[in-house]
Amino acid sequence: MGRKLKIILLESALERVPRELWGHPQVVRSARRYGVRPGDMLLDKSLHYNAMSTLSQKWKRGRPDIVHVALLNILDSPLASMGLLDVYLHVYDGRVFRVLPETRIPKSYERFRGLMAQLLEVERVPPTGEPLIYKAYDSLSEFASDHGGLILLWERGTPASPGYVFTRAYYSGLPLGIGAFPRGDFKRSTLRKARESYSIYGGYPLKAWTVASRILCAGEEIIGVGATSSSSQSS
């Protein structure tokens, strides 16, 4: 097996509607609209903003769209199509799922929400046959232990270029962790798993998909993905 870049979306704002909100009128209405039970829906701030007002850490929750856009960007990259990425998804309850590079994430956000709700329930999609996304670890601790720790993209990390961060992760084999939540900081338990932490662009707060795109584009330049393709066409 050749060298690959490992990416994990950390503390993703991805969870099903918690039990304490099942009876909230806003949740009941959205469940009826989609023809599902309240507990079978993803928590989504765009649908459940008022219902979420009583939740702990509400500022970090209910944003499946962040995961959606980040995965679309990551899996549509040349590195993914060439089989040079291993992608993982760490969700709100702590489980870690592996996303195979050949996975085609639905471009429709509503279809994506249904797919992720199914994943959180049965821990694999599709439910039968060879899975494209499946639970790989019960916790981030288990994941980090198996992979030797993390390299963390963190606003307070050591300033570095996207190319340097890619090089460190690609050649060390340590997974590159990118936060996939809307606001706030990583949990202390997550920070403790970082062997190294870096910030890019002066620590400016960037979206998860922007961070991933910058790292992957830099990596393609470093390992010559575009150059290889161009030279073969010109010959």
C-alpha atoms as a PDB file:
ATOM      1  CA  MET A   1       0.000   0.000   0.000  1.00  0.00           C
ATOM      2  CA  GLY A   2       1.460   3.353  -1.047  1.00  0.00           C
ATOM      3  CA  ARG A   3       1.666   6.493   1.030  1.00  0.00           C
ATOM      4  CA  LYS A   4      -1.590   8.405   1.567  1.00  0.00           C
ATOM      5  CA  LEU A   5      -2.726  11.593   3.250  1.00  0.00           C
ATOM      6  CA  LYS A   6      -5.090  10.848   6.121  1.00  0.00           C
ATOM      7  CA  ILE A   7      -7.722  13.502   6.844  1.00  0.00           C
ATOM      8  CA  ILE A   8     -10.194  13.449   9.716  1.00  0.00           C
ATOM      9  CA  LEU A   9     -13.020  15.959  10.156  1.00  0.00           C
ATOM     10  CA  LEU A  10     -13.038  16.507  13.906  1.00  0.00           C
ATOM     11  CA  GLU A  11     -15.923  17.147  16.299  1.00  0.00           C
ATOM     12  CA  SER A  12     -18.262  17.369  13.327  1.00  0.00           C
ATOM     13  CA  ALA A  13     -21.582  19.075  14.086  1.00  0.00           C
ATOM     14  CA  LEU A  14     -23.369  15.922  12.996  1.00  0.00           C
ATOM     15  CA  GLU A  15     -25.892  14.120  15.221  1.00  0.00           C
ATOM     16  CA  ARG A  16     -29.487  12.973  15.271  1.00  0.00           C
ATOM     17  CA  VAL A  17     -32.040  15.107  17.109  1.00  0.00           C
ATOM     18  CA  PRO A  18     -31.458  14.409  20.833  1.00  0.00           C
ATOM     19  CA  ARG A  19     -34.284  12.837  22.811  1.00  0.00           C
ATOM     20  CA  GLU A  20     -34.951  15.946  24.925  1.00  0.00           C
ATOM     21  CA  LEU A  21     -36.030  17.831  21.772  1.00  0.00           C
ATOM     22  CA  TRP A  22     -38.335  15.221  20.242  1.00  0.00           C
ATOM     23  CA  GLY A  23     -41.480  16.908  21.573  1.00  0.00           C
ATOM     24  CA  HIS A  24     -40.531  20.469  20.628  1.00  0.00           C
ATOM     25  CA  PRO A  25     -43.079  21.922  18.143  1.00  0.00           C
ATOM     26  CA  GLN A  26     -40.345  22.907  15.693  1.00  0.00           C
ATOM     27  CA  VAL A  27     -38.937  19.384  15.687  1.00  0.00           C
ATOM     28  CA  VAL A  28     -42.396  17.799  15.406  1.00  0.00           C
ATOM     29  CA  ARG A  29     -43.259  20.007  12.415  1.00  0.00           C
ATOM     30  CA  SER A  30     -40.047  19.223  10.543  1.00  0.00           C
ATOM     31  CA  ALA A  31     -40.449  15.488  11.258  1.00  0.00           C
ATOM     32  CA  ARG A  32     -43.968  15.566   9.783  1.00  0.00           C
ATOM     33  CA  ARG A  33     -42.729  17.488   6.775  1.00  0.00           C
ATOM     34  CA  TYR A  34     -40.152  14.807   5.958  1.00  0.00           C
ATOM     35  CA  GLY A  35     -42.296  11.876   7.040  1.00  0.00           C
ATOM     36  CA  VAL A  36     -39.888  10.549   9.673  1.00  0.00           C
ATOM     37  CA  ARG A  37     -39.776  10.207  13.448  1.00  0.00           C
ATOM     38  CA  PRO A  38     -38.083  13.109  15.321  1.00  0.00           C
ATOM     39  CA  GLY A  39     -35.239  10.874  16.482  1.00  0.00           C
ATOM     40  CA  ASP A  40     -34.496   9.781  12.910  1.00  0.00           C
ATOM     41  CA  MET A  41     -33.655  13.297  11.722  1.00  0.00           C
ATOM     42  CA  LEU A  42     -30.347  15.098  11.848  1.00  0.00           C
ATOM     43  CA  LEU A  43     -30.181  18.042  14.193  1.00  0.00           C
ATOM     44  CA  ASP A  44     -30.066  21.040  11.863  1.00  0.00           C
ATOM     45  CA  LYS A  45     -29.915  24.646  12.981  1.00  0.00           C
ATOM     46  CA  SER A  46     -31.728  25.774   9.837  1.00  0.00           C
ATOM     47  CA  LEU A  47     -34.741  23.677  10.920  1.00  0.00           C
ATOM     48  CA  HIS A  48     -34.388  23.541  14.703  1.00  0.00           C
ATOM     49  CA  TYR A  49     -32.947  26.922  15.705  1.00  0.00           C
ATOM     50  CA  ASN A  50     -35.502  27.660  18.443  1.00  0.00           C
ATOM     51  CA  ALA A  51     -35.552  24.068  19.673  1.00  0.00           C
ATOM     52  CA  MET A  52     -31.782  24.144  20.116  1.00  0.00           C
ATOM     53  CA  SER A  53     -31.854  27.121  22.485  1.00  0.00           C
ATOM     54  CA  THR A  54     -31.741  24.871  25.561  1.00  0.00           C
ATOM     55  CA  LEU A  55     -28.990  22.524  24.341  1.00  0.00           C
ATOM     56  CA  SER A  56     -25.554  22.532  25.917  1.00  0.00           C
ATOM     57  CA  GLN A  57     -22.828  23.714  23.536  1.00  0.00           C
ATOM     58  CA  LYS A  58     -25.503  24.766  21.067  1.00  0.00           C
ATOM     59  CA  TRP A  59     -22.966  26.945  19.233  1.00  0.00           C
ATOM     60  CA  LYS A  60     -21.043  23.837  18.124  1.00  0.00           C
ATOM     61  CA  ARG A  61     -24.018  21.697  17.075  1.00  0.00           C
ATOM     62  CA  GLY A  62     -26.611  21.321  14.337  1.00  0.00           C
ATOM     63  CA  ARG A  63     -24.513  22.110  11.261  1.00  0.00           C
ATOM     64  CA  PRO A  64     -24.457  19.048   8.973  1.00  0.00           C
ATOM     65  CA  ASP A  65     -23.942  21.414   6.041  1.00  0.00           C
ATOM     66  CA  ILE A  66     -20.328  21.924   7.142  1.00  0.00           C
ATOM     67  CA  VAL A  67     -19.643  18.202   6.769  1.00  0.00           C
ATOM     68  CA  HIS A  68     -21.548  18.125   3.476  1.00  0.00           C
ATOM     69  CA  VAL A  69     -19.521  20.844   1.781  1.00  0.00           C
ATOM     70  CA  ALA A  70     -16.215  19.654   3.263  1.00  0.00           C
ATOM     71  CA  LEU A  71     -16.720  16.082   2.029  1.00  0.00           C
ATOM     72  CA  LEU A  72     -17.790  17.278  -1.424  1.00  0.00           C
ATOM     73  CA  ASN A  73     -14.542  19.266  -1.697  1.00  0.00           C
ATOM     74  CA  ILE A  74     -12.299  16.549  -0.304  1.00  0.00           C
ATOM     75  CA  LEU A  75     -13.720  13.640  -2.300  1.00  0.00           C
ATOM     76  CA  ASP A  76     -13.822  15.634  -5.544  1.00  0.00           C
ATOM     77  CA  SER A  77     -10.086  16.365  -5.332  1.00  0.00           C
ATOM     78  CA  PRO A  78      -7.524  14.805  -7.683  1.00  0.00           C
ATOM     79  CA  LEU A  79      -5.806  13.228  -4.674  1.00  0.00           C
ATOM     80  CA  ALA A  80      -9.000  11.365  -3.803  1.00  0.00           C
ATOM     81  CA  SER A  81      -9.613  10.229  -7.372  1.00  0.00           C
ATOM     82  CA  MET A  82      -6.050   8.867  -7.493  1.00  0.00           C
ATOM     83  CA  GLY A  83      -6.547   6.912  -4.274  1.00  0.00           C
ATOM     84  CA  LEU A  84      -4.113   9.050  -2.268  1.00  0.00           C
ATOM     85  CA  LEU A  85      -6.492   9.973   0.556  1.00  0.00           C
ATOM     86  CA  ASP A  86      -7.868   8.183   3.590  1.00  0.00           C
ATOM     87  CA  VAL A  87     -10.846  10.157   4.909  1.00  0.00           C
ATOM     88  CA  TYR A  88     -12.428   9.859   8.346  1.00  0.00           C
ATOM     89  CA  LEU A  89     -15.398  11.546   9.995  1.00  0.00           C
ATOM     90  CA  HIS A  90     -15.498  12.110  13.771  1.00  0.00           C
ATOM     91  CA  VAL A  91     -19.074  12.877  14.832  1.00  0.00           C
ATOM     92  CA  TYR A  92     -20.581  14.601  17.843  1.00  0.00           C
ATOM     93  CA  ASP A  93     -21.079  11.462  19.946  1.00  0.00           C
ATOM     94  CA  GLY A  94     -17.446  10.461  19.492  1.00  0.00           C
ATOM     95  CA  ARG A  95     -17.652   7.696  16.886  1.00  0.00           C
ATOM     96  CA  VAL A  96     -15.258   7.741  13.937  1.00  0.00           C
ATOM     97  CA  PHE A  97     -16.381   6.660  10.475  1.00  0.00           C
ATOM     98  CA  ARG A  98     -14.220   5.878   7.489  1.00  0.00           C
ATOM     99  CA  VAL A  99     -15.298   7.385   4.154  1.00  0.00           C
ATOM    100  CA  LEU A 100     -13.902   5.469   1.196  1.00  0.00           C
ATOM    101  CA  PRO A 101     -12.465   7.739  -1.539  1.00  0.00           C
ATOM    102  CA  GLU A 102     -14.808   6.312  -4.186  1.00  0.00           C
ATOM    103  CA  THR A 103     -17.846   7.486  -2.182  1.00  0.00           C
ATOM    104  CA  ARG A 104     -20.069   9.859  -4.142  1.00  0.00           C
ATOM    105  CA  ILE A 105     -21.557  12.280  -1.647  1.00  0.00           C
ATOM    106  CA  PRO A 106     -25.018  13.484  -2.791  1.00  0.00           C
ATOM    107  CA  LYS A 107     -24.909  17.071  -4.023  1.00  0.00           C
ATOM    108  CA  SER A 108     -28.459  17.540  -2.760  1.00  0.00           C
ATOM    109  CA  TYR A 109     -28.302  18.623   0.868  1.00  0.00           C
ATOM    110  CA  GLU A 110     -31.608  16.932   1.708  1.00  0.00           C
ATOM    111  CA  ARG A 111     -30.384  13.612   0.311  1.00  0.00           C
ATOM    112  CA  PHE A 112     -27.149  14.035   2.263  1.00  0.00           C
ATOM    113  CA  ARG A 113     -29.069  14.571   5.509  1.00  0.00           C
ATOM    114  CA  GLY A 114     -31.017  11.380   4.938  1.00  0.00           C
ATOM    115  CA  LEU A 115     -27.822   9.460   4.181  1.00  0.00           C
ATOM    116  CA  MET A 116     -26.093  10.721   7.329  1.00  0.00           C
ATOM    117  CA  ALA A 117     -29.118   9.988   9.512  1.00  0.00           C
ATOM    118  CA  GLN A 118     -29.022   6.419   8.220  1.00  0.00           C
ATOM    119  CA  LEU A 119     -25.277   6.216   8.852  1.00  0.00           C
ATOM    120  CA  LEU A 120     -25.628   7.331  12.470  1.00  0.00           C
ATOM    121  CA  GLU A 121     -28.336   4.727  13.034  1.00  0.00           C
ATOM    122  CA  VAL A 122     -26.931   1.606  11.340  1.00  0.00           C
ATOM    123  CA  GLU A 123     -23.231   2.668  11.294  1.00  0.00           C
ATOM    124  CA  ARG A 124     -22.729   1.969   7.592  1.00  0.00           C
ATOM    125  CA  VAL A 125     -24.017   3.028   4.170  1.00  0.00           C
ATOM    126  CA  PRO A 126     -25.314   1.372   2.187  1.00  0.00           C
ATOM    127  CA  PRO A 127     -26.910  -0.855   4.843  1.00  0.00           C
ATOM    128  CA  THR A 128     -26.196  -4.026   2.839  1.00  0.00           C
ATOM    129  CA  GLY A 129     -23.378  -5.077   0.538  1.00  0.00           C
ATOM    130  CA  GLU A 130     -19.954  -3.483   0.563  1.00  0.00           C
ATOM    131  CA  PRO A 131     -20.087  -0.277   2.634  1.00  0.00           C
ATOM    132  CA  LEU A 132     -18.756   3.040   1.326  1.00  0.00           C
ATOM    133  CA  ILE A 133     -18.909   4.667   4.765  1.00  0.00           C
ATOM    134  CA  TYR A 134     -18.705   2.643   7.954  1.00  0.00           C
ATOM    135  CA  LYS A 135     -17.866   2.910  11.643  1.00  0.00           C
ATOM    136  CA  ALA A 136     -14.145   2.303  12.038  1.00  0.00           C
ATOM    137  CA  TYR A 137     -13.634   3.304  15.695  1.00  0.00           C
ATOM    138  CA  ASP A 138     -15.818   3.771  18.753  1.00  0.00           C
ATOM    139  CA  SER A 139     -13.943   6.877  19.877  1.00  0.00           C
ATOM    140  CA  LEU A 140     -11.365   9.453  18.864  1.00  0.00           C
ATOM    141  CA  SER A 141      -9.055   8.048  21.546  1.00  0.00           C
ATOM    142  CA  GLU A 142      -9.128   4.671  19.827  1.00  0.00           C
ATOM    143  CA  PHE A 143      -8.507   6.301  16.438  1.00  0.00           C
ATOM    144  CA  ALA A 144      -5.596   8.431  17.707  1.00  0.00           C
ATOM    145  CA  SER A 145      -4.014   5.489  19.495  1.00  0.00           C
ATOM    146  CA  ASP A 146      -4.181   3.383  16.339  1.00  0.00           C
ATOM    147  CA  HIS A 147      -2.651   6.134  14.189  1.00  0.00           C
ATOM    148  CA  GLY A 148      -0.044   7.484  16.601  1.00  0.00           C
ATOM    149  CA  GLY A 149      -1.780  10.787  17.339  1.00  0.00           C
ATOM    150  CA  LEU A 150      -2.888  13.708  15.176  1.00  0.00           C
ATOM    151  CA  ILE A 151      -1.589  16.745  13.368  1.00  0.00           C
ATOM    152  CA  LEU A 152      -4.117  19.436  14.190  1.00  0.00           C
ATOM    153  CA  LEU A 153      -5.136  22.475  12.156  1.00  0.00           C
ATOM    154  CA  TRP A 154      -5.807  24.937  14.967  1.00  0.00           C
ATOM    155  CA  GLU A 155      -6.096  28.715  14.978  1.00  0.00           C
ATOM    156  CA  ARG A 156      -3.584  28.903  17.855  1.00  0.00           C
ATOM    157  CA  GLY A 157      -1.149  26.409  16.356  1.00  0.00           C
ATOM    158  CA  THR A 158       2.340  27.164  15.042  1.00  0.00           C
ATOM    159  CA  PRO A 159       2.094  29.341  11.907  1.00  0.00           C
ATOM    160  CA  ALA A 160       2.852  27.316   8.777  1.00  0.00           C
ATOM    161  CA  SER A 161       2.092  27.236   5.078  1.00  0.00           C
ATOM    162  CA  PRO A 162      -0.451  24.778   3.639  1.00  0.00           C
ATOM    163  CA  GLY A 163       2.397  23.070   1.813  1.00  0.00           C
ATOM    164  CA  TYR A 164       4.374  22.545   4.994  1.00  0.00           C
ATOM    165  CA  VAL A 165       1.333  21.112   6.786  1.00  0.00           C
ATOM    166  CA  PHE A 166       0.670  18.732   3.902  1.00  0.00           C
ATOM    167  CA  THR A 167       4.279  17.601   3.866  1.00  0.00           C
ATOM    168  CA  ARG A 168       4.315  16.919   7.613  1.00  0.00           C
ATOM    169  CA  ALA A 169       1.087  14.896   7.474  1.00  0.00           C
ATOM    170  CA  TYR A 170       1.797  13.064   4.215  1.00  0.00           C
ATOM    171  CA  TYR A 171       5.313  11.918   5.062  1.00  0.00           C
ATOM    172  CA  SER A 172       4.784  11.278   8.777  1.00  0.00           C
ATOM    173  CA  GLY A 173       1.595   9.278   8.242  1.00  0.00           C
ATOM    174  CA  LEU A 174      -0.136  11.159  11.063  1.00  0.00           C
ATOM    175  CA  PRO A 175      -3.787  12.021  10.352  1.00  0.00           C
ATOM    176  CA  LEU A 176      -4.508  15.673   9.644  1.00  0.00           C
ATOM    177  CA  GLY A 177      -7.378  16.896  11.836  1.00  0.00           C
ATOM    178  CA  ILE A 178      -9.673  19.688  10.653  1.00  0.00           C
ATOM    179  CA  GLY A 179     -12.475  21.017  12.844  1.00  0.00           C
ATOM    180  CA  ALA A 180     -15.960  20.668  11.317  1.00  0.00           C
ATOM    181  CA  PHE A 181     -18.021  22.705  13.784  1.00  0.00           C
ATOM    182  CA  PRO A 182     -19.275  26.289  13.405  1.00  0.00           C
ATOM    183  CA  ARG A 183     -17.954  28.071  16.502  1.00  0.00           C
ATOM    184  CA  GLY A 184     -15.836  27.603  19.601  1.00  0.00           C
ATOM    185  CA  ASP A 185     -12.663  25.624  20.171  1.00  0.00           C
ATOM    186  CA  PHE A 186     -11.660  21.983  20.185  1.00  0.00           C
ATOM    187  CA  LYS A 187     -12.295  19.994  23.327  1.00  0.00           C
ATOM    188  CA  ARG A 188      -9.285  19.629  25.587  1.00  0.00           C
ATOM    189  CA  SER A 189      -9.432  15.883  25.020  1.00  0.00           C
ATOM    190  CA  THR A 190      -9.007  16.512  21.286  1.00  0.00           C
ATOM    191  CA  LEU A 191      -6.138  18.953  21.775  1.00  0.00           C
ATOM    192  CA  ARG A 192      -4.310  16.431  23.949  1.00  0.00           C
ATOM    193  CA  LYS A 193      -4.227  13.967  21.050  1.00  0.00           C
ATOM    194  CA  ALA A 194      -2.288  16.372  18.818  1.00  0.00           C
ATOM    195  CA  ARG A 195       1.374  15.573  18.314  1.00  0.00           C
ATOM    196  CA  GLU A 196       1.729  18.805  16.335  1.00  0.00           C
ATOM    197  CA  SER A 197      -0.609  21.739  15.690  1.00  0.00           C
ATOM    198  CA  TYR A 198      -0.427  24.374  12.970  1.00  0.00           C
ATOM    199  CA  SER A 199      -2.314  27.441  11.842  1.00  0.00           C
ATOM    200  CA  ILE A 200      -2.427  28.653   8.255  1.00  0.00           C
ATOM    201  CA  TYR A 201      -2.977  32.201   6.965  1.00  0.00           C
ATOM    202  CA  GLY A 202      -2.089  33.747  10.312  1.00  0.00           C
ATOM    203  CA  GLY A 203      -4.689  31.801  12.245  1.00  0.00           C
ATOM    204  CA  TYR A 204      -7.543  33.484  10.392  1.00  0.00           C
ATOM    205  CA  PRO A 205     -10.754  31.504  11.098  1.00  0.00           C
ATOM    206  CA  LEU A 206     -11.440  29.601   7.876  1.00  0.00           C
ATOM    207  CA  LYS A 207     -14.239  27.211   6.966  1.00  0.00           C
ATOM    208  CA  ALA A 208     -13.436  23.491   7.128  1.00  0.00           C
ATOM    209  CA  TRP A 209     -13.828  23.098   3.370  1.00  0.00           C
ATOM    210  CA  THR A 210     -11.522  26.051   2.691  1.00  0.00           C
ATOM    211  CA  VAL A 211      -8.816  24.622   4.937  1.00  0.00           C
ATOM    212  CA  ALA A 212      -9.106  21.201   3.301  1.00  0.00           C
ATOM    213  CA  SER A 213      -9.009  22.682  -0.212  1.00  0.00           C
ATOM    214  CA  ARG A 214      -5.894  24.759   0.517  1.00  0.00           C
ATOM    215  CA  ILE A 215      -4.051  21.775   1.980  1.00  0.00           C
ATOM    216  CA  LEU A 216      -5.028  19.449  -0.870  1.00  0.00           C
ATOM    217  CA  CYS A 217      -4.144  21.956  -3.596  1.00  0.00           C
ATOM    218  CA  ALA A 218      -0.738  22.508  -1.988  1.00  0.00           C
ATOM    219  CA  GLY A 219      -0.235  18.759  -1.765  1.00  0.00           C
ATOM    220  CA  GLU A 220      -1.061  18.245  -5.432  1.00  0.00           C
ATOM    221  CA  GLU A 221       1.645  20.748  -6.324  1.00  0.00           C
ATOM    222  CA  ILE A 222       4.183  19.133  -4.000  1.00  0.00           C
ATOM    223  CA  ILE A 223       3.755  15.578  -5.233  1.00  0.00           C
ATOM    224  CA  GLY A 224       3.277  16.677  -8.833  1.00  0.00           C
ATOM    225  CA  VAL A 225      -0.254  15.450  -9.513  1.00  0.00           C
ATOM    226  CA  GLY A 226      -1.003  18.241 -12.012  1.00  0.00           C
ATOM    227  CA  ALA A 227       2.454  18.062 -13.599  1.00  0.00           C
ATOM    228  CA  THR A 228       2.149  14.331 -14.239  1.00  0.00           C
ATOM    229  CA  SER A 229      -1.219  14.770 -15.871  1.00  0.00           C
ATOM    230  CA  SER A 230      -0.088  17.718 -18.026  1.00  0.00           C
ATOM    231  CA  SER A 231       3.096  16.053 -19.255  1.00  0.00           C
ATOM    232  CA  SER A 232       1.242  12.929 -20.321  1.00  0.00           C
ATOM    233  CA  GLN A 233      -1.231  15.013 -22.314  1.00  0.00           C
ATOM    234  CA  SER A 234       1.472  17.052 -24.022  1.00  0.00           C
ATOM    235  CA  SER A 235       3.352  13.920 -25.078  1.00  0.00           C
END
